Amino acid sequence: MVELEAMRREYLQGGLHREDLSEDPLVQFERWLKQSVDAGIQDPTAMTVATVDADGQPSQRIVLLKHLDERGFVFYTNYESHKAQDLAVNPRISLHFPWHVLERQVKVCGVAGKVSSTESLKYFASRPQESQLAAWASAQSRPISSRQLLMQQFNAMKEKFKQGQIPLPAFWGGYRVEPKTIEFWQGGGNRLHDRFQYTRTESGWKIERLAP
């Protein structure tokens, strides 16, 4: 067995100071996201999405952030998937961006709601044709007997829609996460990390430093 207790390293790339933060957490997030892209991090938009089902069981999976504006964070999925079933009974959600190379992470907690069909259609139309077909072919999260069957379904959809534009499935679309809190974490030496949390209030965003 690997000696997990002995695995450690120091986080020394730099600190995070209150005066360096934007007053708007979405502006601050865009700044960090751009720096992650510029640093060449693989899949910088990858985020862990955590939901809770009707029995109180948390579940996590990685999806890609596909849009960000002043209203929140947007991702797309099958509306019959496990995450969608969870959100139907409990729209509270948490997102986590792990930018290890920069010794940074961002945690977003908020509420998810479906985007408009117009927004879903616009994004769906921008996807490669193979990705559009995959959305039709996969009954996401449900058991399937083999990969061979999955490919058969994919090829069946390819044949079905070979003559024209692939339509948006009624069971597929986006969610927008309206953030209530956003935390920015920057690694620090001796485990004295820098953490700042933005909390939405009626008068705007409150910023607090959190103990590591």
N, C-alpha and C. Protein backbone atom coordinates (compact mmCIF):
# COMPACT_ATOMS: atom_id res chain seq x y z
N MET A 1 0.83 -1.20 0.00
CA MET A 1 0.00 0.00 0.00
C MET A 1 0.87 1.26 0.00
N VAL A 2 0.41 2.27 -0.70
CA VAL A 2 1.10 3.55 -0.68
C VAL A 2 0.96 4.17 0.70
N GLU A 3 2.04 4.75 1.21
CA GLU A 3 2.00 5.38 2.53
C GLU A 3 1.36 6.77 2.39
N LEU A 4 0.05 6.81 2.47
CA LEU A 4 -0.68 8.04 2.25
C LEU A 4 -0.32 9.12 3.26
N GLU A 5 -0.05 8.71 4.50
CA GLU A 5 0.24 9.69 5.54
C GLU A 5 1.49 10.51 5.24
N ALA A 6 2.41 9.92 4.45
CA ALA A 6 3.68 10.59 4.18
C ALA A 6 3.64 11.46 2.92
N MET A 7 2.52 11.42 2.20
CA MET A 7 2.44 12.19 0.96
C MET A 7 2.01 13.61 1.27
N ARG A 8 2.89 14.57 1.01
CA ARG A 8 2.58 15.98 1.26
C ARG A 8 3.54 16.85 0.48
N ARG A 9 3.15 18.08 0.27
CA ARG A 9 4.03 19.07 -0.34
C ARG A 9 3.62 20.44 0.17
N GLU A 10 4.51 21.40 0.00
CA GLU A 10 4.20 22.77 0.39
C GLU A 10 3.58 23.52 -0.79
N TYR A 11 2.72 24.47 -0.47
CA TYR A 11 2.08 25.31 -1.48
C TYR A 11 2.71 26.70 -1.39
N LEU A 12 3.54 27.03 -2.38
CA LEU A 12 4.38 28.22 -2.25
C LEU A 12 4.30 29.15 -3.46
N GLN A 13 3.29 28.99 -4.31
CA GLN A 13 3.25 29.79 -5.53
C GLN A 13 2.87 31.25 -5.28
N GLY A 14 2.23 31.52 -4.17
CA GLY A 14 1.87 32.91 -3.91
C GLY A 14 0.64 33.03 -3.08
N GLY A 15 0.48 34.17 -2.41
CA GLY A 15 -0.66 34.38 -1.55
C GLY A 15 -1.79 35.09 -2.26
N LEU A 16 -2.88 35.28 -1.52
CA LEU A 16 -4.05 35.99 -2.03
C LEU A 16 -4.42 37.05 -1.00
N HIS A 17 -4.51 38.30 -1.44
CA HIS A 17 -4.75 39.42 -0.55
C HIS A 17 -6.07 40.10 -0.88
N ARG A 18 -6.70 40.64 0.15
CA ARG A 18 -8.00 41.27 -0.02
C ARG A 18 -7.96 42.37 -1.07
N GLU A 19 -6.89 43.16 -1.08
CA GLU A 19 -6.82 44.29 -2.01
C GLU A 19 -6.68 43.84 -3.46
N ASP A 20 -6.36 42.59 -3.67
CA ASP A 20 -6.21 42.07 -5.04
C ASP A 20 -7.52 41.53 -5.60
N LEU A 21 -8.55 41.43 -4.77
CA LEU A 21 -9.81 40.83 -5.20
C LEU A 21 -10.74 41.86 -5.82
N SER A 22 -11.46 41.43 -6.85
CA SER A 22 -12.54 42.25 -7.40
C SER A 22 -13.70 42.27 -6.41
N GLU A 23 -14.49 43.33 -6.44
CA GLU A 23 -15.67 43.39 -5.59
C GLU A 23 -16.76 42.44 -6.09
N ASP A 24 -16.65 42.01 -7.32
CA ASP A 24 -17.62 41.10 -7.94
C ASP A 24 -16.98 39.72 -8.09
N PRO A 25 -17.52 38.68 -7.45
CA PRO A 25 -16.89 37.36 -7.52
C PRO A 25 -16.88 36.77 -8.93
N LEU A 26 -17.85 37.13 -9.76
CA LEU A 26 -17.87 36.59 -11.13
C LEU A 26 -16.75 37.20 -11.95
N VAL A 27 -16.44 38.46 -11.71
CA VAL A 27 -15.28 39.09 -12.35
C VAL A 27 -14.00 38.42 -11.87
N GLN A 28 -13.92 38.18 -10.56
CA GLN A 28 -12.75 37.50 -10.00
C GLN A 28 -12.61 36.10 -10.57
N PHE A 29 -13.73 35.39 -10.71
CA PHE A 29 -13.68 34.04 -11.27
C PHE A 29 -13.18 34.07 -12.71
N GLU A 30 -13.70 34.99 -13.52
CA GLU A 30 -13.25 35.09 -14.91
C GLU A 30 -11.75 35.37 -14.98
N ARG A 31 -11.27 36.18 -14.07
CA ARG A 31 -9.83 36.49 -14.02
C ARG A 31 -9.03 35.23 -13.76
N TRP A 32 -9.46 34.44 -12.78
CA TRP A 32 -8.74 33.20 -12.46
C TRP A 32 -8.90 32.17 -13.57
N LEU A 33 -10.07 32.10 -14.18
CA LEU A 33 -10.27 31.15 -15.27
C LEU A 33 -9.34 31.48 -16.44
N LYS A 34 -9.23 32.76 -16.78
CA LYS A 34 -8.33 33.16 -17.87
C LYS A 34 -6.89 32.79 -17.54
N GLN A 35 -6.49 32.99 -16.30
CA GLN A 35 -5.13 32.64 -15.91
C GLN A 35 -4.91 31.13 -15.99
N SER A 36 -5.94 30.36 -15.70
CA SER A 36 -5.85 28.91 -15.83
C SER A 36 -5.70 28.49 -17.28
N VAL A 37 -6.45 29.15 -18.16
CA VAL A 37 -6.32 28.88 -19.60
C VAL A 37 -4.93 29.27 -20.09
N ASP A 38 -4.47 30.44 -19.69
CA ASP A 38 -3.16 30.92 -20.12
C ASP A 38 -2.03 30.03 -19.60
N ALA A 39 -2.25 29.39 -18.45
CA ALA A 39 -1.24 28.50 -17.88
C ALA A 39 -1.20 27.14 -18.56
N GLY A 40 -2.12 26.90 -19.48
CA GLY A 40 -2.15 25.64 -20.21
C GLY A 40 -2.72 24.48 -19.42
N ILE A 41 -3.52 24.77 -18.40
CA ILE A 41 -4.13 23.70 -17.63
C ILE A 41 -5.09 22.90 -18.51
N GLN A 42 -4.98 21.59 -18.44
CA GLN A 42 -5.88 20.74 -19.23
C GLN A 42 -7.29 20.81 -18.67
N ASP A 43 -8.26 21.02 -19.54
CA ASP A 43 -9.66 21.11 -19.13
C ASP A 43 -9.88 22.12 -18.01
N PRO A 44 -9.51 23.38 -18.22
CA PRO A 44 -9.68 24.38 -17.15
C PRO A 44 -11.14 24.64 -16.78
N THR A 45 -12.07 24.30 -17.66
CA THR A 45 -13.49 24.51 -17.36
C THR A 45 -14.13 23.30 -16.68
N ALA A 46 -13.34 22.25 -16.43
CA ALA A 46 -13.89 21.06 -15.76
C ALA A 46 -14.23 21.40 -14.31
N MET A 47 -15.40 20.97 -13.87
CA MET A 47 -15.83 21.26 -12.50
C MET A 47 -16.57 20.06 -11.94
N THR A 48 -16.40 19.84 -10.66
CA THR A 48 -17.17 18.82 -9.97
C THR A 48 -18.53 19.40 -9.63
N VAL A 49 -19.58 18.68 -9.98
CA VAL A 49 -20.95 19.10 -9.67
C VAL A 49 -21.49 18.17 -8.59
N ALA A 50 -21.85 18.74 -7.45
CA ALA A 50 -22.36 17.95 -6.33
C ALA A 50 -23.85 18.23 -6.14
N THR A 51 -24.64 17.16 -6.08
CA THR A 51 -26.08 17.25 -5.84
C THR A 51 -26.45 16.29 -4.72
N VAL A 52 -27.69 16.41 -4.24
CA VAL A 52 -28.18 15.53 -3.17
C VAL A 52 -29.54 14.99 -3.58
N ASP A 53 -29.73 13.67 -3.43
CA ASP A 53 -30.99 13.07 -3.86
C ASP A 53 -32.06 13.16 -2.78
N ALA A 54 -33.21 12.59 -3.05
CA ALA A 54 -34.36 12.68 -2.14
C ALA A 54 -34.10 12.01 -0.80
N ASP A 55 -33.14 11.06 -0.75
CA ASP A 55 -32.81 10.36 0.49
C ASP A 55 -31.67 11.04 1.25
N GLY A 56 -31.19 12.17 0.71
CA GLY A 56 -30.10 12.88 1.36
C GLY A 56 -28.71 12.38 1.00
N GLN A 57 -28.61 11.53 -0.02
CA GLN A 57 -27.33 10.99 -0.44
C GLN A 57 -26.64 11.94 -1.42
N PRO A 58 -25.48 12.49 -1.07
CA PRO A 58 -24.75 13.35 -2.00
C PRO A 58 -24.15 12.52 -3.14
N SER A 59 -23.98 13.16 -4.29
CA SER A 59 -23.36 12.53 -5.44
C SER A 59 -22.57 13.59 -6.20
N GLN A 60 -21.43 13.17 -6.77
CA GLN A 60 -20.59 14.10 -7.51
C GLN A 60 -20.22 13.52 -8.86
N ARG A 61 -19.99 14.43 -9.80
CA ARG A 61 -19.49 14.04 -11.12
C ARG A 61 -18.84 15.27 -11.75
N ILE A 62 -18.00 15.05 -12.76
CA ILE A 62 -17.31 16.16 -13.41
C ILE A 62 -18.02 16.49 -14.72
N VAL A 63 -18.32 17.75 -14.90
CA VAL A 63 -18.89 18.25 -16.16
C VAL A 63 -18.11 19.50 -16.55
N LEU A 64 -18.42 20.05 -17.72
CA LEU A 64 -17.71 21.23 -18.21
C LEU A 64 -18.58 22.47 -18.12
N LEU A 65 -17.99 23.53 -17.62
CA LEU A 65 -18.67 24.83 -17.62
C LEU A 65 -18.76 25.32 -19.06
N LYS A 66 -19.96 25.71 -19.50
CA LYS A 66 -20.16 26.11 -20.89
C LYS A 66 -20.56 27.56 -21.08
N HIS A 67 -20.92 28.24 -20.01
CA HIS A 67 -21.26 29.67 -20.14
C HIS A 67 -21.20 30.29 -18.76
N LEU A 68 -20.82 31.55 -18.74
CA LEU A 68 -20.78 32.31 -17.50
C LEU A 68 -21.18 33.74 -17.80
N ASP A 69 -22.14 34.26 -17.04
CA ASP A 69 -22.49 35.67 -17.14
C ASP A 69 -22.94 36.15 -15.76
N GLU A 70 -23.49 37.35 -15.69
CA GLU A 70 -23.86 37.91 -14.40
C GLU A 70 -24.96 37.11 -13.70
N ARG A 71 -25.63 36.21 -14.44
CA ARG A 71 -26.70 35.40 -13.85
C ARG A 71 -26.17 34.11 -13.23
N GLY A 72 -24.99 33.67 -13.65
CA GLY A 72 -24.43 32.47 -13.05
C GLY A 72 -23.69 31.57 -14.01
N PHE A 73 -23.51 30.31 -13.58
CA PHE A 73 -22.69 29.31 -14.24
C PHE A 73 -23.60 28.31 -14.96
N VAL A 74 -23.30 28.00 -16.22
CA VAL A 74 -24.18 27.14 -17.02
C VAL A 74 -23.46 25.86 -17.46
N PHE A 75 -24.15 24.73 -17.29
CA PHE A 75 -23.68 23.46 -17.85
C PHE A 75 -24.87 22.76 -18.50
N TYR A 76 -24.58 21.76 -19.33
CA TYR A 76 -25.62 21.05 -20.08
C TYR A 76 -25.58 19.57 -19.76
N THR A 77 -26.76 18.93 -19.84
CA THR A 77 -26.86 17.52 -19.48
C THR A 77 -28.17 16.94 -20.00
N ASN A 78 -28.33 15.65 -19.78
CA ASN A 78 -29.60 14.97 -20.04
C ASN A 78 -30.54 15.26 -18.88
N TYR A 79 -31.76 15.72 -19.17
CA TYR A 79 -32.70 16.06 -18.11
C TYR A 79 -33.30 14.84 -17.41
N GLU A 80 -32.90 13.63 -17.84
CA GLU A 80 -33.34 12.41 -17.17
C GLU A 80 -32.18 11.72 -16.43
N SER A 81 -31.04 12.39 -16.37
CA SER A 81 -29.86 11.84 -15.71
C SER A 81 -30.02 11.86 -14.19
N HIS A 82 -29.10 11.23 -13.48
CA HIS A 82 -29.15 11.22 -12.02
C HIS A 82 -29.07 12.64 -11.46
N LYS A 83 -28.18 13.46 -12.03
CA LYS A 83 -28.05 14.82 -11.50
C LYS A 83 -29.33 15.61 -11.69
N ALA A 84 -29.99 15.41 -12.83
CA ALA A 84 -31.25 16.11 -13.09
C ALA A 84 -32.35 15.63 -12.15
N GLN A 85 -32.38 14.34 -11.87
CA GLN A 85 -33.36 13.81 -10.92
C GLN A 85 -33.13 14.39 -9.53
N ASP A 86 -31.85 14.51 -9.15
CA ASP A 86 -31.54 15.12 -7.86
C ASP A 86 -32.02 16.56 -7.82
N LEU A 87 -31.72 17.32 -8.87
CA LEU A 87 -32.07 18.74 -8.89
C LEU A 87 -33.58 18.96 -8.92
N ALA A 88 -34.31 17.98 -9.42
CA ALA A 88 -35.77 18.10 -9.46
C ALA A 88 -36.37 18.11 -8.05
N VAL A 89 -35.71 17.42 -7.12
CA VAL A 89 -36.21 17.37 -5.74
C VAL A 89 -35.46 18.32 -4.82
N ASN A 90 -34.25 18.68 -5.20
CA ASN A 90 -33.45 19.60 -4.39
C ASN A 90 -32.55 20.41 -5.31
N PRO A 91 -32.92 21.64 -5.64
CA PRO A 91 -32.15 22.44 -6.60
C PRO A 91 -30.86 23.01 -6.05
N ARG A 92 -30.58 22.78 -4.75
CA ARG A 92 -29.32 23.27 -4.19
C ARG A 92 -28.18 22.46 -4.78
N ILE A 93 -27.08 23.16 -5.07
CA ILE A 93 -26.00 22.54 -5.83
C ILE A 93 -24.67 23.17 -5.44
N SER A 94 -23.60 22.43 -5.61
CA SER A 94 -22.26 22.97 -5.37
C SER A 94 -21.37 22.62 -6.55
N LEU A 95 -20.55 23.59 -6.97
CA LEU A 95 -19.57 23.41 -8.04
C LEU A 95 -18.18 23.56 -7.45
N HIS A 96 -17.23 22.82 -7.99
CA HIS A 96 -15.85 22.93 -7.50
C HIS A 96 -14.88 22.88 -8.68
N PHE A 97 -14.02 23.89 -8.76
CA PHE A 97 -13.00 23.97 -9.82
C PHE A 97 -11.64 23.72 -9.18
N PRO A 98 -10.96 22.60 -9.53
CA PRO A 98 -9.67 22.27 -8.94
C PRO A 98 -8.51 22.62 -9.87
N TRP A 99 -7.92 23.77 -9.69
CA TRP A 99 -6.79 24.19 -10.52
C TRP A 99 -5.50 23.92 -9.76
N HIS A 100 -5.13 22.63 -9.66
CA HIS A 100 -4.01 22.22 -8.83
C HIS A 100 -2.68 22.84 -9.26
N VAL A 101 -2.48 22.98 -10.57
CA VAL A 101 -1.20 23.50 -11.06
C VAL A 101 -0.92 24.90 -10.51
N LEU A 102 -1.96 25.68 -10.35
CA LEU A 102 -1.82 27.03 -9.82
C LEU A 102 -2.05 27.08 -8.30
N GLU A 103 -2.23 25.90 -7.70
CA GLU A 103 -2.51 25.80 -6.26
C GLU A 103 -3.73 26.64 -5.89
N ARG A 104 -4.78 26.48 -6.70
CA ARG A 104 -6.01 27.23 -6.50
C ARG A 104 -7.21 26.30 -6.59
N GLN A 105 -8.27 26.71 -5.95
CA GLN A 105 -9.57 26.07 -6.14
C GLN A 105 -10.67 27.09 -5.88
N VAL A 106 -11.81 26.86 -6.51
CA VAL A 106 -12.97 27.73 -6.33
C VAL A 106 -14.17 26.85 -6.03
N LYS A 107 -14.93 27.23 -5.01
CA LYS A 107 -16.15 26.51 -4.65
C LYS A 107 -17.34 27.46 -4.79
N VAL A 108 -18.36 26.98 -5.49
CA VAL A 108 -19.58 27.75 -5.71
C VAL A 108 -20.74 26.99 -5.10
N CYS A 109 -21.54 27.66 -4.27
CA CYS A 109 -22.76 27.06 -3.73
C CYS A 109 -23.95 27.93 -4.15
N GLY A 110 -25.00 27.29 -4.63
CA GLY A 110 -26.14 28.07 -5.09
C GLY A 110 -27.33 27.20 -5.41
N VAL A 111 -28.16 27.71 -6.30
CA VAL A 111 -29.39 27.04 -6.70
C VAL A 111 -29.40 26.90 -8.22
N ALA A 112 -29.78 25.73 -8.71
CA ALA A 112 -29.79 25.46 -10.15
C ALA A 112 -31.21 25.53 -10.70
N GLY A 113 -31.33 26.09 -11.90
CA GLY A 113 -32.60 26.11 -12.62
C GLY A 113 -32.34 25.92 -14.10
N LYS A 114 -33.31 25.37 -14.80
CA LYS A 114 -33.13 25.12 -16.23
C LYS A 114 -33.02 26.44 -17.00
N VAL A 115 -32.14 26.45 -18.01
CA VAL A 115 -32.05 27.60 -18.90
C VAL A 115 -33.21 27.53 -19.89
N SER A 116 -33.39 28.59 -20.66
CA SER A 116 -34.47 28.61 -21.65
C SER A 116 -34.17 27.62 -22.78
N SER A 117 -35.24 27.19 -23.45
CA SER A 117 -35.06 26.28 -24.59
C SER A 117 -34.26 26.95 -25.69
N THR A 118 -34.37 28.28 -25.80
CA THR A 118 -33.59 29.02 -26.81
C THR A 118 -32.10 28.91 -26.52
N GLU A 119 -31.72 29.05 -25.25
CA GLU A 119 -30.31 28.93 -24.88
C GLU A 119 -29.81 27.51 -25.12
N SER A 120 -30.62 26.52 -24.76
CA SER A 120 -30.21 25.13 -24.98
C SER A 120 -30.04 24.83 -26.46
N LEU A 121 -30.98 25.33 -27.28
CA LEU A 121 -30.89 25.09 -28.71
C LEU A 121 -29.67 25.74 -29.32
N LYS A 122 -29.37 26.96 -28.89
CA LYS A 122 -28.21 27.67 -29.41
C LYS A 122 -26.92 26.91 -29.11
N TYR A 123 -26.81 26.40 -27.87
CA TYR A 123 -25.59 25.65 -27.54
C TYR A 123 -25.57 24.30 -28.26
N PHE A 124 -26.71 23.60 -28.29
CA PHE A 124 -26.77 22.30 -28.94
C PHE A 124 -26.34 22.40 -30.40
N ALA A 125 -26.78 23.46 -31.07
CA ALA A 125 -26.45 23.65 -32.49
C ALA A 125 -24.96 23.90 -32.69
N SER A 126 -24.27 24.39 -31.65
CA SER A 126 -22.84 24.67 -31.78
C SER A 126 -21.97 23.43 -31.56
N ARG A 127 -22.57 22.34 -31.08
CA ARG A 127 -21.80 21.13 -30.79
C ARG A 127 -21.46 20.39 -32.08
N PRO A 128 -20.36 19.64 -32.08
CA PRO A 128 -20.05 18.78 -33.23
C PRO A 128 -21.20 17.79 -33.46
N GLN A 129 -21.39 17.40 -34.70
CA GLN A 129 -22.50 16.51 -35.03
C GLN A 129 -22.46 15.22 -34.22
N GLU A 130 -21.25 14.68 -33.98
CA GLU A 130 -21.13 13.44 -33.23
C GLU A 130 -21.62 13.61 -31.79
N SER A 131 -21.36 14.78 -31.22
CA SER A 131 -21.84 15.04 -29.86
C SER A 131 -23.36 15.19 -29.84
N GLN A 132 -23.92 15.79 -30.87
CA GLN A 132 -25.37 15.88 -30.97
C GLN A 132 -25.99 14.49 -31.04
N LEU A 133 -25.40 13.63 -31.86
CA LEU A 133 -25.92 12.26 -31.98
C LEU A 133 -25.79 11.50 -30.67
N ALA A 134 -24.69 11.72 -29.95
CA ALA A 134 -24.48 11.03 -28.68
C ALA A 134 -25.56 11.40 -27.67
N ALA A 135 -26.01 12.66 -27.70
CA ALA A 135 -27.08 13.08 -26.79
C ALA A 135 -28.35 12.28 -27.05
N TRP A 136 -28.63 12.01 -28.32
CA TRP A 136 -29.81 11.21 -28.67
C TRP A 136 -29.61 9.73 -28.33
N ALA A 137 -28.39 9.23 -28.49
CA ALA A 137 -28.14 7.79 -28.37
C ALA A 137 -28.05 7.32 -26.93
N SER A 138 -27.65 8.19 -26.00
CA SER A 138 -27.37 7.76 -24.64
C SER A 138 -28.52 8.08 -23.69
N ALA A 139 -29.05 7.05 -23.05
CA ALA A 139 -30.02 7.23 -21.96
C ALA A 139 -29.20 7.41 -20.69
N GLN A 140 -28.70 8.60 -20.50
CA GLN A 140 -27.67 8.88 -19.49
C GLN A 140 -28.06 8.39 -18.10
N SER A 141 -27.11 7.75 -17.46
CA SER A 141 -27.19 7.24 -16.08
C SER A 141 -27.95 5.93 -15.93
N ARG A 142 -28.63 5.49 -16.99
CA ARG A 142 -29.37 4.23 -16.87
C ARG A 142 -28.51 3.05 -17.29
N PRO A 143 -28.75 1.87 -16.72
CA PRO A 143 -27.94 0.69 -17.04
C PRO A 143 -28.03 0.36 -18.54
N ILE A 144 -26.91 -0.14 -19.09
CA ILE A 144 -26.87 -0.59 -20.48
C ILE A 144 -26.02 -1.86 -20.52
N SER A 145 -26.41 -2.82 -21.33
CA SER A 145 -25.79 -4.14 -21.27
C SER A 145 -24.37 -4.18 -21.82
N SER A 146 -24.06 -3.32 -22.78
CA SER A 146 -22.72 -3.38 -23.38
C SER A 146 -22.43 -2.10 -24.15
N ARG A 147 -21.14 -1.88 -24.40
CA ARG A 147 -20.75 -0.76 -25.25
C ARG A 147 -21.22 -1.00 -26.69
N GLN A 148 -21.26 -2.25 -27.08
CA GLN A 148 -21.72 -2.58 -28.43
C GLN A 148 -23.14 -2.06 -28.65
N LEU A 149 -23.99 -2.23 -27.65
CA LEU A 149 -25.36 -1.75 -27.77
C LEU A 149 -25.38 -0.22 -27.86
N LEU A 150 -24.52 0.43 -27.09
CA LEU A 150 -24.44 1.90 -27.14
C LEU A 150 -24.05 2.36 -28.55
N MET A 151 -23.08 1.68 -29.15
CA MET A 151 -22.65 2.06 -30.50
C MET A 151 -23.74 1.77 -31.52
N GLN A 152 -24.51 0.72 -31.30
CA GLN A 152 -25.62 0.42 -32.20
C GLN A 152 -26.65 1.56 -32.15
N GLN A 153 -26.92 2.05 -30.94
CA GLN A 153 -27.86 3.16 -30.79
C GLN A 153 -27.31 4.43 -31.43
N PHE A 154 -26.03 4.64 -31.29
CA PHE A 154 -25.39 5.80 -31.91
C PHE A 154 -25.51 5.73 -33.43
N ASN A 155 -25.21 4.57 -33.99
CA ASN A 155 -25.29 4.41 -35.44
C ASN A 155 -26.73 4.51 -35.94
N ALA A 156 -27.68 4.06 -35.12
CA ALA A 156 -29.09 4.18 -35.49
C ALA A 156 -29.50 5.65 -35.56
N MET A 157 -29.03 6.45 -34.63
CA MET A 157 -29.32 7.88 -34.65
C MET A 157 -28.63 8.55 -35.84
N LYS A 158 -27.44 8.10 -36.15
CA LYS A 158 -26.70 8.64 -37.30
C LYS A 158 -27.47 8.39 -38.59
N GLU A 159 -28.06 7.22 -38.70
CA GLU A 159 -28.86 6.89 -39.88
C GLU A 159 -30.16 7.69 -39.90
N LYS A 160 -30.78 7.81 -38.73
CA LYS A 160 -32.06 8.49 -38.63
C LYS A 160 -31.97 9.95 -39.06
N PHE A 161 -30.88 10.62 -38.68
CA PHE A 161 -30.76 12.05 -38.94
C PHE A 161 -29.79 12.39 -40.07
N LYS A 162 -29.49 11.41 -40.92
CA LYS A 162 -28.48 11.64 -41.95
C LYS A 162 -28.90 12.66 -43.00
N GLN A 163 -30.19 12.89 -43.13
CA GLN A 163 -30.68 13.76 -44.22
C GLN A 163 -30.77 15.24 -43.86
N GLY A 164 -30.64 15.56 -42.59
CA GLY A 164 -30.83 16.96 -42.24
C GLY A 164 -30.25 17.34 -40.90
N GLN A 165 -30.69 18.48 -40.40
CA GLN A 165 -30.22 19.00 -39.13
C GLN A 165 -30.71 18.14 -37.98
N ILE A 166 -29.84 17.94 -37.01
CA ILE A 166 -30.19 17.13 -35.85
C ILE A 166 -30.94 18.01 -34.85
N PRO A 167 -32.17 17.66 -34.49
CA PRO A 167 -32.95 18.51 -33.58
C PRO A 167 -32.50 18.38 -32.13
N LEU A 168 -32.85 19.38 -31.35
CA LEU A 168 -32.58 19.35 -29.91
C LEU A 168 -33.50 18.33 -29.25
N PRO A 169 -32.95 17.36 -28.52
CA PRO A 169 -33.84 16.42 -27.81
C PRO A 169 -34.63 17.13 -26.73
N ALA A 170 -35.87 16.73 -26.53
CA ALA A 170 -36.69 17.34 -25.49
C ALA A 170 -36.16 17.04 -24.10
N PHE A 171 -35.36 15.97 -24.00
CA PHE A 171 -34.84 15.54 -22.70
C PHE A 171 -33.42 16.07 -22.43
N TRP A 172 -32.99 17.07 -23.16
CA TRP A 172 -31.60 17.54 -23.03
C TRP A 172 -31.58 19.06 -22.97
N GLY A 173 -30.73 19.61 -22.12
CA GLY A 173 -30.64 21.06 -22.03
C GLY A 173 -29.71 21.51 -20.92
N GLY A 174 -29.80 22.79 -20.59
CA GLY A 174 -28.86 23.37 -19.65
C GLY A 174 -29.46 23.71 -18.30
N TYR A 175 -28.55 23.87 -17.34
CA TYR A 175 -28.87 24.40 -16.02
C TYR A 175 -28.00 25.62 -15.77
N ARG A 176 -28.61 26.62 -15.15
CA ARG A 176 -27.84 27.78 -14.70
C ARG A 176 -27.78 27.75 -13.18
N VAL A 177 -26.58 27.86 -12.64
CA VAL A 177 -26.40 27.88 -11.19
C VAL A 177 -26.27 29.34 -10.75
N GLU A 178 -27.27 29.80 -10.00
CA GLU A 178 -27.22 31.14 -9.43
C GLU A 178 -26.43 31.06 -8.12
N PRO A 179 -25.26 31.69 -8.05
CA PRO A 179 -24.44 31.52 -6.85
C PRO A 179 -24.95 32.30 -5.65
N LYS A 180 -24.86 31.65 -4.49
CA LYS A 180 -25.16 32.31 -3.22
C LYS A 180 -23.87 32.62 -2.47
N THR A 181 -22.91 31.70 -2.56
CA THR A 181 -21.57 31.94 -2.02
C THR A 181 -20.54 31.44 -3.03
N ILE A 182 -19.41 32.11 -3.09
CA ILE A 182 -18.28 31.69 -3.93
C ILE A 182 -17.02 31.86 -3.11
N GLU A 183 -16.25 30.78 -2.98
CA GLU A 183 -15.01 30.83 -2.20
C GLU A 183 -13.81 30.65 -3.12
N PHE A 184 -12.82 31.51 -2.93
CA PHE A 184 -11.55 31.44 -3.66
C PHE A 184 -10.47 30.99 -2.68
N TRP A 185 -9.75 29.94 -3.05
CA TRP A 185 -8.72 29.33 -2.20
C TRP A 185 -7.39 29.37 -2.92
N GLN A 186 -6.39 29.88 -2.24
CA GLN A 186 -5.02 29.92 -2.78
C GLN A 186 -4.11 29.25 -1.76
N GLY A 187 -3.34 28.26 -2.21
CA GLY A 187 -2.45 27.53 -1.31
C GLY A 187 -1.41 28.43 -0.67
N GLY A 188 -1.07 28.12 0.59
CA GLY A 188 -0.06 28.88 1.32
C GLY A 188 0.88 27.97 2.07
N GLY A 189 2.07 28.47 2.40
CA GLY A 189 3.06 27.68 3.12
C GLY A 189 2.57 27.30 4.51
N ASN A 190 3.08 26.15 5.00
CA ASN A 190 2.75 25.66 6.34
C ASN A 190 1.25 25.44 6.54
N ARG A 191 0.55 25.16 5.44
CA ARG A 191 -0.90 24.93 5.44
C ARG A 191 -1.69 26.17 5.86
N LEU A 192 -1.06 27.34 5.81
CA LEU A 192 -1.76 28.59 6.12
C LEU A 192 -2.29 29.17 4.81
N HIS A 193 -3.28 28.50 4.25
CA HIS A 193 -3.84 28.88 2.96
C HIS A 193 -4.66 30.16 3.07
N ASP A 194 -4.82 30.83 1.93
CA ASP A 194 -5.66 32.03 1.87
C ASP A 194 -7.02 31.66 1.31
N ARG A 195 -8.07 32.02 2.05
CA ARG A 195 -9.45 31.72 1.63
C ARG A 195 -10.30 32.97 1.78
N PHE A 196 -11.01 33.31 0.70
CA PHE A 196 -11.93 34.43 0.75
C PHE A 196 -13.29 33.97 0.23
N GLN A 197 -14.32 34.26 1.01
CA GLN A 197 -15.67 33.87 0.63
C GLN A 197 -16.53 35.09 0.35
N TYR A 198 -17.18 35.06 -0.81
CA TYR A 198 -18.18 36.07 -1.18
C TYR A 198 -19.55 35.51 -0.84
N THR A 199 -20.37 36.28 -0.15
CA THR A 199 -21.73 35.88 0.18
C THR A 199 -22.70 36.92 -0.37
N ARG A 200 -23.69 36.46 -1.12
CA ARG A 200 -24.68 37.38 -1.69
C ARG A 200 -25.61 37.90 -0.60
N THR A 201 -25.78 39.21 -0.53
CA THR A 201 -26.72 39.83 0.41
C THR A 201 -27.65 40.76 -0.37
N GLU A 202 -28.64 41.31 0.30
CA GLU A 202 -29.57 42.22 -0.37
C GLU A 202 -28.88 43.47 -0.90
N SER A 203 -27.78 43.85 -0.26
CA SER A 203 -27.07 45.07 -0.66
C SER A 203 -25.87 44.80 -1.55
N GLY A 204 -25.64 43.54 -1.91
CA GLY A 204 -24.49 43.22 -2.75
C GLY A 204 -23.70 42.05 -2.18
N TRP A 205 -22.44 41.95 -2.57
CA TRP A 205 -21.60 40.84 -2.14
C TRP A 205 -20.78 41.23 -0.91
N LYS A 206 -20.83 40.39 0.13
CA LYS A 206 -19.99 40.55 1.31
C LYS A 206 -18.77 39.66 1.16
N ILE A 207 -17.59 40.20 1.46
CA ILE A 207 -16.35 39.43 1.32
C ILE A 207 -15.73 39.24 2.69
N GLU A 208 -15.42 37.98 3.01
CA GLU A 208 -14.81 37.66 4.29
C GLU A 208 -13.62 36.75 4.08
N ARG A 209 -12.57 36.96 4.87
CA ARG A 209 -11.46 36.00 4.89
C ARG A 209 -11.82 34.86 5.83
N LEU A 210 -11.56 33.62 5.40
CA LEU A 210 -11.82 32.45 6.22
C LEU A 210 -10.51 31.85 6.71
N ALA A 211 -10.53 31.33 7.92
CA ALA A 211 -9.35 30.64 8.43
C ALA A 211 -9.11 29.38 7.62
N PRO A 212 -7.85 29.03 7.35
CA PRO A 212 -7.57 27.83 6.53
C PRO A 212 -7.94 26.54 7.26
